[in-house]
PDB file of N, CA and C in Angstrom:
ATOM      1  N   MET A   1     -86.014 -18.865 -10.524  1.00  0.00           N
ATOM      2  CA  MET A   1     -85.442 -19.884  -9.722  1.00  0.00           C
ATOM      3  C   MET A   1     -86.855 -20.910  -9.771  1.00  0.00           C
ATOM      4  N   SER A   2     -86.710 -22.178  -9.998  1.00  0.00           N
ATOM      5  CA  SER A   2     -87.587 -23.002  -9.785  1.00  0.00           C
ATOM      6  C   SER A   2     -87.381 -24.159  -8.690  1.00  0.00           C
ATOM      7  N   PHE A   3     -88.516 -24.638  -8.289  1.00  0.00           N
ATOM      8  CA  PHE A   3     -88.414 -25.680  -7.235  1.00  0.00           C
ATOM      9  C   PHE A   3     -89.464 -26.575  -7.228  1.00  0.00           C
ATOM     10  N   GLU A   4     -89.179 -27.674  -6.856  1.00  0.00           N
ATOM     11  CA  GLU A   4     -90.271 -28.807  -6.743  1.00  0.00           C
ATOM     12  C   GLU A   4     -90.753 -29.124  -5.437  1.00  0.00           C
ATOM     13  N   ILE A   5     -92.022 -29.142  -5.215  1.00  0.00           N
ATOM     14  CA  ILE A   5     -92.755 -29.543  -3.905  1.00  0.00           C
ATOM     15  C   ILE A   5     -93.175 -30.840  -3.908  1.00  0.00           C
ATOM     16  N   ASP A   6     -93.130 -31.742  -3.007  1.00  0.00           N
ATOM     17  CA  ASP A   6     -93.870 -33.061  -2.720  1.00  0.00           C
ATOM     18  C   ASP A   6     -94.845 -32.721  -2.020  1.00  0.00           C
ATOM     19  N   PRO A   7     -96.134 -32.354  -2.543  1.00  0.00           N
ATOM     20  CA  PRO A   7     -97.355 -32.024  -1.545  1.00  0.00           C
ATOM     21  C   PRO A   7     -97.529 -33.122  -0.530  1.00  0.00           C
ATOM     22  N   SER A   8     -97.237 -34.288  -0.773  1.00  0.00           N
ATOM     23  CA  SER A   8     -97.708 -35.467   0.337  1.00  0.00           C
ATOM     24  C   SER A   8     -96.591 -35.134   1.429  1.00  0.00           C
ATOM     25  N   ARG A   9     -95.561 -34.875   1.052  1.00  0.00           N
ATOM     26  CA  ARG A   9     -94.459 -34.746   2.129  1.00  0.00           C
ATOM     27  C   ARG A   9     -94.610 -33.386   3.122  1.00  0.00           C
ATOM     28  N   VAL A  10     -95.108 -32.307   2.410  1.00  0.00           N
ATOM     29  CA  VAL A  10     -95.466 -31.090   2.907  1.00  0.00           C
ATOM     30  C   VAL A  10     -96.646 -31.431   3.997  1.00  0.00           C
ATOM     31  N   ARG A  11     -97.552 -32.199   3.595  1.00  0.00           N
ATOM     32  CA  ARG A  11     -98.785 -32.596   4.369  1.00  0.00           C
ATOM     33  C   ARG A  11     -98.232 -33.222   5.612  1.00  0.00           C
ATOM     34  N   GLY A  12     -97.408 -34.323   5.293  1.00  0.00           N
ATOM     35  CA  GLY A  12     -96.927 -35.252   6.213  1.00  0.00           C
ATOM     36  C   GLY A  12     -96.170 -34.468   7.490  1.00  0.00           C
ATOM     37  N   VAL A  13     -95.279 -33.536   6.903  1.00  0.00           N
ATOM     38  CA  VAL A  13     -94.403 -32.755   7.959  1.00  0.00           C
ATOM     39  C   VAL A  13     -95.375 -31.785   8.670  1.00  0.00           C
ATOM     40  N   TRP A  14     -96.403 -31.420   8.037  1.00  0.00           N
ATOM     41  CA  TRP A  14     -97.533 -30.567   8.842  1.00  0.00           C
ATOM     42  C   TRP A  14     -98.324 -31.205   9.702  1.00  0.00           C
ATOM     43  N   ALA A  15     -98.604 -32.548   9.411  1.00  0.00           N
ATOM     44  CA  ALA A  15     -99.337 -33.198  10.396  1.00  0.00           C
ATOM     45  C   ALA A  15     -98.574 -33.709  11.643  1.00  0.00           C
ATOM     46  N   ASP A  16     -97.293 -34.178  11.224  1.00  0.00           N
ATOM     47  CA  ASP A  16     -96.426 -34.735  12.221  1.00  0.00           C
ATOM     48  C   ASP A  16     -96.023 -33.444  13.336  1.00  0.00           C
ATOM     49  N   GLY A  17     -95.642 -32.308  12.719  1.00  0.00           N
ATOM     50  CA  GLY A  17     -95.060 -31.275  13.534  1.00  0.00           C
ATOM     51  C   GLY A  17     -96.198 -30.457  14.233  1.00  0.00           C
ATOM     52  N   VAL A  18     -96.934 -29.631  13.349  1.00  0.00           N
ATOM     53  CA  VAL A  18     -97.763 -28.631  13.549  1.00  0.00           C
ATOM     54  C   VAL A  18     -99.157 -29.426  14.159  1.00  0.00           C
ATOM     55  N   GLY A  19     -99.488 -30.472  13.452  1.00  0.00           N
ATOM     56  CA  GLY A  19    -100.665 -31.120  14.026  1.00  0.00           C
ATOM     57  C   GLY A  19    -100.516 -31.632  15.242  1.00  0.00           C
ATOM     58  N   GLU A  20     -99.327 -32.206  15.667  1.00  0.00           N
ATOM     59  CA  GLU A  20     -99.283 -32.711  16.890  1.00  0.00           C
ATOM     60  C   GLU A  20     -99.202 -31.523  17.993  1.00  0.00           C
ATOM     61  N   GLY A  21     -98.595 -30.443  17.490  1.00  0.00           N
ATOM     62  CA  GLY A  21     -98.592 -29.188  18.399  1.00  0.00           C
ATOM     63  C   GLY A  21     -99.768 -28.785  18.657  1.00  0.00           C
ATOM     64  N   ARG A  22    -100.647 -28.705  17.686  1.00  0.00           N
ATOM     65  CA  ARG A  22    -102.005 -28.306  17.771  1.00  0.00           C
ATOM     66  C   ARG A  22    -102.868 -29.092  18.702  1.00  0.00           C
ATOM     67  N   GLU A  23    -102.680 -30.597  18.785  1.00  0.00           N
ATOM     68  CA  GLU A  23    -103.259 -31.351  19.659  1.00  0.00           C
ATOM     69  C   GLU A  23    -102.993 -31.089  21.001  1.00  0.00           C
ATOM     70  N   GLN A  24    -101.774 -30.749  21.264  1.00  0.00           N
ATOM     71  CA  GLN A  24    -101.108 -30.459  22.739  1.00  0.00           C
ATOM     72  C   GLN A  24    -101.873 -28.998  23.163  1.00  0.00           C
ATOM     73  N   LEU A  25    -101.864 -28.060  22.197  1.00  0.00           N
ATOM     74  CA  LEU A  25    -102.394 -26.753  22.600  1.00  0.00           C
ATOM     75  C   LEU A  25    -103.948 -27.013  23.099  1.00  0.00           C
ATOM     76  N   ALA A  26    -104.751 -27.695  22.156  1.00  0.00           N
ATOM     77  CA  ALA A  26    -105.896 -27.975  22.454  1.00  0.00           C
ATOM     78  C   ALA A  26    -106.241 -28.753  23.738  1.00  0.00           C
ATOM     79  N   GLY A  27    -105.282 -29.582  24.028  1.00  0.00           N
ATOM     80  CA  GLY A  27    -105.640 -30.574  25.173  1.00  0.00           C
ATOM     81  C   GLY A  27    -105.127 -29.750  26.430  1.00  0.00           C
ATOM     82  N   SER A  28    -104.515 -28.637  26.335  1.00  0.00           N
ATOM     83  CA  SER A  28    -103.996 -27.887  27.392  1.00  0.00           C
ATOM     84  C   SER A  28    -105.290 -27.214  28.294  1.00  0.00           C
ATOM     85  N   GLN A  29    -106.365 -27.118  27.752  1.00  0.00           N
ATOM     86  CA  GLN A  29    -107.466 -26.631  28.291  1.00  0.00           C
ATOM     87  C   GLN A  29    -107.744 -27.572  29.677  1.00  0.00           C
ATOM     88  N   GLY A  30    -107.811 -28.806  29.504  1.00  0.00           N
ATOM     89  CA  GLY A  30    -107.946 -29.677  30.744  1.00  0.00           C
ATOM     90  C   GLY A  30    -106.864 -29.466  31.739  1.00  0.00           C
ATOM     91  N   ASP A  31    -105.695 -29.288  31.607  1.00  0.00           N
ATOM     92  CA  ASP A  31    -104.706 -28.771  32.622  1.00  0.00           C
ATOM     93  C   ASP A  31    -105.253 -27.617  33.354  1.00  0.00           C
ATOM     94  N   ARG A  32    -105.520 -26.578  32.505  1.00  0.00           N
ATOM     95  CA  ARG A  32    -106.112 -25.332  33.235  1.00  0.00           C
ATOM     96  C   ARG A  32    -107.410 -25.591  34.167  1.00  0.00           C
ATOM     97  N   ASP A  33    -108.301 -26.270  33.528  1.00  0.00           N
ATOM     98  CA  ASP A  33    -109.322 -26.773  34.276  1.00  0.00           C
ATOM     99  C   ASP A  33    -109.144 -27.435  35.533  1.00  0.00           C
ATOM    100  N   THR A  34    -108.340 -28.248  35.572  1.00  0.00           N
ATOM    101  CA  THR A  34    -107.784 -28.920  36.615  1.00  0.00           C
ATOM    102  C   THR A  34    -107.226 -27.984  37.675  1.00  0.00           C
ATOM    103  N   ALA A  35    -106.312 -27.224  37.164  1.00  0.00           N
ATOM    104  CA  ALA A  35    -105.705 -26.234  38.089  1.00  0.00           C
ATOM    105  C   ALA A  35    -106.664 -25.140  38.681  1.00  0.00           C
ATOM    106  N   ARG A  36    -107.791 -25.067  37.968  1.00  0.00           N
ATOM    107  CA  ARG A  36    -108.819 -23.984  38.557  1.00  0.00           C
ATOM    108  C   ARG A  36    -109.531 -24.754  39.534  1.00  0.00           C
ATOM    109  N   GLY A  37    -109.666 -26.144  39.706  1.00  0.00           N
ATOM    110  CA  GLY A  37    -110.243 -26.863  40.705  1.00  0.00           C
ATOM    111  C   GLY A  37    -109.495 -27.061  42.094  1.00  0.00           C
ATOM    112  N   GLN A  38    -108.251 -26.613  41.885  1.00  0.00           N
ATOM    113  CA  GLN A  38    -107.474 -26.909  43.137  1.00  0.00           C
ATOM    114  C   GLN A  38    -107.922 -25.958  44.257  1.00  0.00           C
ATOM    115  N   SER A  39    -107.449 -26.298  45.426  1.00  0.00           N
ATOM    116  CA  SER A  39    -107.604 -25.301  46.597  1.00  0.00           C
ATOM    117  C   SER A  39    -106.443 -24.454  46.674  1.00  0.00           C
ATOM    118  N   LEU A  40    -106.461 -23.238  46.169  1.00  0.00           N
ATOM    119  CA  LEU A  40    -105.227 -22.433  46.253  1.00  0.00           C
ATOM    120  C   LEU A  40    -105.301 -21.243  47.064  1.00  0.00           C
ATOM    121  N   GLU A  41    -106.403 -21.199  48.005  1.00  0.00           N
ATOM    122  CA  GLU A  41    -106.657 -20.279  49.046  1.00  0.00           C
ATOM    123  C   GLU A  41    -106.512 -18.826  48.412  1.00  0.00           C
ATOM    124  N   ASP A  42    -105.676 -17.973  48.834  1.00  0.00           N
ATOM    125  CA  ASP A  42    -105.462 -16.696  48.366  1.00  0.00           C
ATOM    126  C   ASP A  42    -105.023 -16.401  47.039  1.00  0.00           C
ATOM    127  N   LEU A  43    -104.473 -17.471  46.329  1.00  0.00           N
ATOM    128  CA  LEU A  43    -104.070 -17.475  45.004  1.00  0.00           C
ATOM    129  C   LEU A  43    -104.983 -17.828  44.080  1.00  0.00           C
ATOM    130  N   ALA A  44    -106.231 -18.221  44.378  1.00  0.00           N
ATOM    131  CA  ALA A  44    -107.375 -18.827  43.572  1.00  0.00           C
ATOM    132  C   ALA A  44    -107.781 -17.626  42.559  1.00  0.00           C
ATOM    133  N   GLY A  45    -107.781 -16.347  43.089  1.00  0.00           N
ATOM    134  CA  GLY A  45    -108.341 -15.491  42.136  1.00  0.00           C
ATOM    135  C   GLY A  45    -107.473 -14.999  41.073  1.00  0.00           C
ATOM    136  N   PRO A  46    -105.970 -14.740  41.522  1.00  0.00           N
ATOM    137  CA  PRO A  46    -104.957 -14.524  40.453  1.00  0.00           C
ATOM    138  C   PRO A  46    -104.831 -15.691  39.568  1.00  0.00           C
ATOM    139  N   MET A  47    -104.659 -16.956  40.129  1.00  0.00           N
ATOM    140  CA  MET A  47    -104.487 -18.059  39.085  1.00  0.00           C
ATOM    141  C   MET A  47    -105.659 -18.345  38.279  1.00  0.00           C
ATOM    142  N   GLY A  48    -106.844 -17.990  38.680  1.00  0.00           N
ATOM    143  CA  GLY A  48    -108.068 -17.992  37.818  1.00  0.00           C
ATOM    144  C   GLY A  48    -107.872 -17.041  36.629  1.00  0.00           C
ATOM    145  N   ALA A  49    -107.574 -15.850  36.991  1.00  0.00           N
ATOM    146  CA  ALA A  49    -107.439 -14.950  35.993  1.00  0.00           C
ATOM    147  C   ALA A  49    -106.390 -15.156  35.071  1.00  0.00           C
ATOM    148  N   ALA A  50    -105.144 -15.764  35.518  1.00  0.00           N
ATOM    149  CA  ALA A  50    -104.036 -16.091  34.712  1.00  0.00           C
ATOM    150  C   ALA A  50    -104.506 -17.339  33.683  1.00  0.00           C
ATOM    151  N   ALA A  51    -105.532 -18.037  34.329  1.00  0.00           N
ATOM    152  CA  ALA A  51    -105.777 -18.993  33.406  1.00  0.00           C
ATOM    153  C   ALA A  51    -106.776 -18.559  32.284  1.00  0.00           C
ATOM    154  N   ASP A  52    -107.550 -17.604  32.635  1.00  0.00           N
ATOM    155  CA  ASP A  52    -108.436 -16.989  31.585  1.00  0.00           C
ATOM    156  C   ASP A  52    -107.492 -16.440  30.564  1.00  0.00           C
ATOM    157  N   VAL A  53    -106.414 -15.716  30.870  1.00  0.00           N
ATOM    158  CA  VAL A  53    -105.550 -15.184  29.843  1.00  0.00           C
ATOM    159  C   VAL A  53    -105.096 -16.280  29.036  1.00  0.00           C
ATOM    160  N   LEU A  54    -104.575 -17.515  29.584  1.00  0.00           N
ATOM    161  CA  LEU A  54    -104.068 -18.463  28.852  1.00  0.00           C
ATOM    162  C   LEU A  54    -105.052 -19.054  27.828  1.00  0.00           C
ATOM    163  N   ASP A  55    -106.366 -19.067  28.193  1.00  0.00           N
ATOM    164  CA  ASP A  55    -107.582 -19.553  27.534  1.00  0.00           C
ATOM    165  C   ASP A  55    -107.550 -18.722  26.244  1.00  0.00           C
ATOM    166  N   GLY A  56    -107.387 -17.390  26.514  1.00  0.00           N
ATOM    167  CA  GLY A  56    -107.402 -16.579  25.126  1.00  0.00           C
ATOM    168  C   GLY A  56    -106.296 -16.703  24.272  1.00  0.00           C
ATOM    169  N   VAL A  57    -105.145 -16.802  24.924  1.00  0.00           N
ATOM    170  CA  VAL A  57    -103.766 -17.072  24.196  1.00  0.00           C
ATOM    171  C   VAL A  57    -103.915 -18.375  23.396  1.00  0.00           C
ATOM    172  N   THR A  58    -104.525 -19.284  24.061  1.00  0.00           N
ATOM    173  CA  THR A  58    -104.724 -20.700  23.407  1.00  0.00           C
ATOM    174  C   THR A  58    -105.590 -20.653  22.190  1.00  0.00           C
ATOM    175  N   ALA A  59    -106.675 -19.982  22.469  1.00  0.00           N
ATOM    176  CA  ALA A  59    -107.790 -19.843  21.254  1.00  0.00           C
ATOM    177  C   ALA A  59    -107.111 -19.107  20.177  1.00  0.00           C
ATOM    178  N   THR A  60    -106.358 -17.898  20.432  1.00  0.00           N
ATOM    179  CA  THR A  60    -105.666 -17.211  19.350  1.00  0.00           C
ATOM    180  C   THR A  60    -104.505 -18.096  18.686  1.00  0.00           C
ATOM    181  N   ALA A  61    -103.824 -18.947  19.391  1.00  0.00           N
ATOM    182  CA  ALA A  61    -102.902 -19.681  18.792  1.00  0.00           C
ATOM    183  C   ALA A  61    -103.376 -20.776  17.774  1.00  0.00           C
ATOM    184  N   LEU A  62    -104.399 -21.304  18.422  1.00  0.00           N
ATOM    185  CA  LEU A  62    -105.355 -22.402  17.509  1.00  0.00           C
ATOM    186  C   LEU A  62    -105.780 -21.858  16.321  1.00  0.00           C
ATOM    187  N   ALA A  63    -106.368 -20.614  16.370  1.00  0.00           N
ATOM    188  CA  ALA A  63    -106.896 -19.985  15.169  1.00  0.00           C
ATOM    189  C   ALA A  63    -105.712 -19.610  14.115  1.00  0.00           C
ATOM    190  N   VAL A  64    -104.641 -19.165  14.645  1.00  0.00           N
ATOM    191  CA  VAL A  64    -103.582 -18.933  13.804  1.00  0.00           C
ATOM    192  C   VAL A  64    -102.996 -20.302  13.044  1.00  0.00           C
ATOM    193  N   VAL A  65    -102.906 -21.272  13.982  1.00  0.00           N
ATOM    194  CA  VAL A  65    -102.457 -22.639  13.259  1.00  0.00           C
ATOM    195  C   VAL A  65    -103.475 -23.005  12.294  1.00  0.00           C
ATOM    196  N   ASP A  66    -104.759 -22.907  12.514  1.00  0.00           N
ATOM    197  CA  ASP A  66    -105.971 -23.575  11.801  1.00  0.00           C
ATOM    198  C   ASP A  66    -105.881 -22.508  10.352  1.00  0.00           C
ATOM    199  N   GLU A  67    -105.476 -21.360  10.552  1.00  0.00           N
ATOM    200  CA  GLU A  67    -105.657 -20.374   9.195  1.00  0.00           C
ATOM    201  C   GLU A  67    -104.344 -20.724   8.479  1.00  0.00           C
ATOM    202  N   LEU A  68    -103.183 -20.779   9.092  1.00  0.00           N
ATOM    203  CA  LEU A  68    -101.969 -21.236   8.268  1.00  0.00           C
ATOM    204  C   LEU A  68    -102.159 -22.459   7.648  1.00  0.00           C
ATOM    205  N   GLY A  69    -102.764 -23.508   8.349  1.00  0.00           N
ATOM    206  CA  GLY A  69    -103.139 -24.789   7.843  1.00  0.00           C
ATOM    207  C   GLY A  69    -104.010 -24.699   6.498  1.00  0.00           C
ATOM    208  N   GLU A  70    -104.914 -23.954   6.644  1.00  0.00           N
ATOM    209  CA  GLU A  70    -105.859 -23.754   5.604  1.00  0.00           C
ATOM    210  C   GLU A  70    -105.071 -22.911   4.171  1.00  0.00           C
ATOM    211  N   ALA A  71    -104.419 -22.134   4.600  1.00  0.00           N
ATOM    212  CA  ALA A  71    -103.688 -21.335   3.619  1.00  0.00           C
ATOM    213  C   ALA A  71    -102.727 -22.428   2.784  1.00  0.00           C
ATOM    214  N   MET A  72    -102.056 -23.296   3.743  1.00  0.00           N
ATOM    215  CA  MET A  72    -100.872 -24.092   3.125  1.00  0.00           C
ATOM    216  C   MET A  72    -101.644 -25.173   2.249  1.00  0.00           C
ATOM    217  N   LEU A  73    -102.642 -25.682   2.670  1.00  0.00           N
ATOM    218  CA  LEU A  73    -103.650 -26.473   1.813  1.00  0.00           C
ATOM    219  C   LEU A  73    -104.019 -25.952   0.511  1.00  0.00           C
ATOM    220  N   ALA A  74    -104.658 -24.799   0.663  1.00  0.00           N
ATOM    221  CA  ALA A  74    -104.852 -23.964  -0.543  1.00  0.00           C
ATOM    222  C   ALA A  74    -103.663 -23.850  -1.409  1.00  0.00           C
ATOM    223  N   CYS A  75    -102.485 -23.525  -1.082  1.00  0.00           N
ATOM    224  CA  CYS A  75    -101.157 -23.419  -1.831  1.00  0.00           C
ATOM    225  C   CYS A  75    -100.965 -24.762  -2.568  1.00  0.00           C
ATOM    226  N   LEU A  76    -100.900 -25.716  -1.741  1.00  0.00           N
ATOM    227  CA  LEU A  76    -100.804 -27.042  -2.383  1.00  0.00           C
ATOM    228  C   LEU A  76    -101.614 -27.352  -3.383  1.00  0.00           C
ATOM    229  N   ALA A  77    -102.858 -27.132  -3.188  1.00  0.00           N
ATOM    230  CA  ALA A  77    -104.073 -27.381  -4.178  1.00  0.00           C
ATOM    231  C   ALA A  77    -103.574 -26.475  -5.482  1.00  0.00           C
ATOM    232  N   THR A  78    -103.339 -25.356  -5.478  1.00  0.00           N
ATOM    233  CA  THR A  78    -103.054 -24.555  -6.474  1.00  0.00           C
ATOM    234  C   THR A  78    -101.585 -25.251  -7.186  1.00  0.00           C
ATOM    235  N   TYR A  79    -100.861 -25.681  -6.443  1.00  0.00           N
ATOM    236  CA  TYR A  79     -99.552 -26.116  -6.977  1.00  0.00           C
ATOM    237  C   TYR A  79     -99.940 -27.479  -7.753  1.00  0.00           C
ATOM    238  N   GLU A  80    -100.811 -28.319  -7.193  1.00  0.00           N
ATOM    239  CA  GLU A  80    -101.042 -29.468  -7.724  1.00  0.00           C
ATOM    240  C   GLU A  80    -101.763 -29.352  -8.847  1.00  0.00           C
ATOM    241  N   ALA A  81    -102.909 -28.423  -8.866  1.00  0.00           N
ATOM    242  CA  ALA A  81    -103.705 -28.206  -9.922  1.00  0.00           C
ATOM    243  C   ALA A  81    -102.992 -27.558 -11.294  1.00  0.00           C
ATOM    244  N   THR A  82    -101.933 -26.794 -11.012  1.00  0.00           N
ATOM    245  CA  THR A  82    -101.154 -26.260 -12.071  1.00  0.00           C
ATOM    246  C   THR A  82     -99.832 -27.245 -12.470  1.00  0.00           C
ATOM    247  N   ASP A  83    -100.005 -28.349 -11.892  1.00  0.00           N
ATOM    248  CA  ASP A  83     -98.970 -29.388 -12.256  1.00  0.00           C
ATOM    249  C   ASP A  83     -97.478 -28.815 -11.953  1.00  0.00           C
ATOM    250  N   GLY A  84     -97.507 -28.130 -10.721  1.00  0.00           N
ATOM    251  CA  GLY A  84     -96.233 -27.617 -10.444  1.00  0.00           C
ATOM    252  C   GLY A  84     -95.660 -26.295 -11.161  1.00  0.00           C
ATOM    253  N   ALA A  85     -96.539 -25.626 -11.939  1.00  0.00           N
ATOM    254  CA  ALA A  85     -96.292 -24.551 -12.682  1.00  0.00           C
ATOM    255  C   ALA A  85     -96.970 -23.517 -12.328  1.00  0.00           C
ATOM    256  N   SER A  86     -97.125 -23.201 -10.997  1.00  0.00           N
ATOM    257  CA  SER A  86     -97.972 -22.066 -10.483  1.00  0.00           C
ATOM    258  C   SER A  86     -97.213 -20.844 -10.543  1.00  0.00           C
ATOM    259  N   ALA A  87     -96.056 -20.685 -11.072  1.00  0.00           N
ATOM    260  CA  ALA A  87     -95.340 -19.414 -11.360  1.00  0.00           C
ATOM    261  C   ALA A  87     -95.091 -18.690 -10.091  1.00  0.00           C
ATOM    262  N   SER A  88     -94.810 -19.195  -8.924  1.00  0.00           N
ATOM    263  CA  SER A  88     -94.700 -18.805  -7.786  1.00  0.00           C
ATOM    264  C   SER A  88     -95.892 -17.866  -7.094  1.00  0.00           C
ATOM    265  N   SER A  89     -97.173 -18.180  -7.634  1.00  0.00           N
ATOM    266  CA  SER A  89     -98.073 -17.438  -7.287  1.00  0.00           C
ATOM    267  C   SER A  89     -99.059 -18.239  -6.454  1.00  0.00           C
ATOM    268  N   PHE A  90     -99.103 -17.612  -5.081  1.00  0.00           N
ATOM    269  CA  PHE A  90     -99.946 -18.584  -4.211  1.00  0.00           C
ATOM    270  C   PHE A  90    -100.957 -17.389  -3.413  1.00  0.00           C
ATOM    271  N   PRO A  91    -102.095 -17.239  -4.205  1.00  0.00           N
ATOM    272  CA  PRO A  91    -102.919 -16.402  -3.547  1.00  0.00           C
ATOM    273  C   PRO A  91    -103.306 -16.475  -1.916  1.00  0.00           C
ATOM    274  N   ALA A  92    -103.407 -17.690  -1.527  1.00  0.00           N
ATOM    275  CA  ALA A  92    -103.660 -17.876  -0.192  1.00  0.00           C
ATOM    276  C   ALA A  92    -102.591 -17.288   0.769  1.00  0.00           C
ATOM    277  N   LEU A  93    -101.447 -17.033   0.379  1.00  0.00           N
ATOM    278  CA  LEU A  93    -100.225 -16.486   0.936  1.00  0.00           C
ATOM    279  C   LEU A  93    -100.170 -15.062   0.718  1.00  0.00           C
ATOM    280  N   THR A  94    -101.083 -14.250   0.100  1.00  0.00           N
ATOM    281  CA  THR A  94    -100.754 -13.000  -0.345  1.00  0.00           C
ATOM    282  C   THR A  94    -101.630 -12.032   0.615  1.00  0.00           C
ATOM    283  N   MET A  95    -100.986 -11.060   1.125  1.00  0.00           N
ATOM    284  CA  MET A  95    -101.852 -10.081   2.032  1.00  0.00           C
ATOM    285  C   MET A  95    -102.938  -9.376   1.170  1.00  0.00           C
ATOM    286  N   PRO A  96    -103.971  -9.034   1.622  1.00  0.00           N
ATOM    287  CA  PRO A  96    -105.032  -8.237   0.857  1.00  0.00           C
ATOM    288  C   PRO A  96    -104.319  -6.849   0.472  1.00  0.00           C
ATOM    289  N   GLY A  97    -104.508  -6.581  -0.869  1.00  0.00           N
ATOM    290  CA  GLY A  97    -103.880  -5.354  -1.396  1.00  0.00           C
ATOM    291  C   GLY A  97    -102.512  -5.327  -1.853  1.00  0.00           C
ATOM    292  N   GLN A  98    -101.764  -6.669  -1.699  1.00  0.00           N
ATOM    293  CA  GLN A  98    -100.564  -6.920  -2.305  1.00  0.00           C
ATOM    294  C   GLN A  98    -100.695  -7.359  -3.753  1.00  0.00           C
ATOM    295  N   VAL A  99     -99.710  -7.138  -4.561  1.00  0.00           N
ATOM    296  CA  VAL A  99     -99.889  -7.691  -5.822  1.00  0.00           C
ATOM    297  C   VAL A  99     -99.086  -9.133  -5.846  1.00  0.00           C
ATOM    298  N   PRO A 100     -99.684 -10.205  -6.189  1.00  0.00           N
ATOM    299  CA  PRO A 100     -98.878 -11.657  -6.025  1.00  0.00           C
ATOM    300  C   PRO A 100     -97.747 -11.467  -7.062  1.00  0.00           C
TER     301      PRO A 100
END
């Protein structure tokens, strides 16, 4: 099976969809900082702990998005460098130990 990829469109879709979501994720830290500053009386401790967990989840999600973005850009570079004749081999998407 052969297919053709328009790298500029892939980059555009990534920037519009994933890039926007990444910005929202990154910006969510301010919301948690604001919540931590509120007078929550007895709930302050548990809410602070929950915000700490969300900080970790956000950091992990951002790392995943960044790693996938780097892999996608590497695949597009391979595709462009081979003039679209990469024989469906994209090392950036291959798990260690797998045969591409």
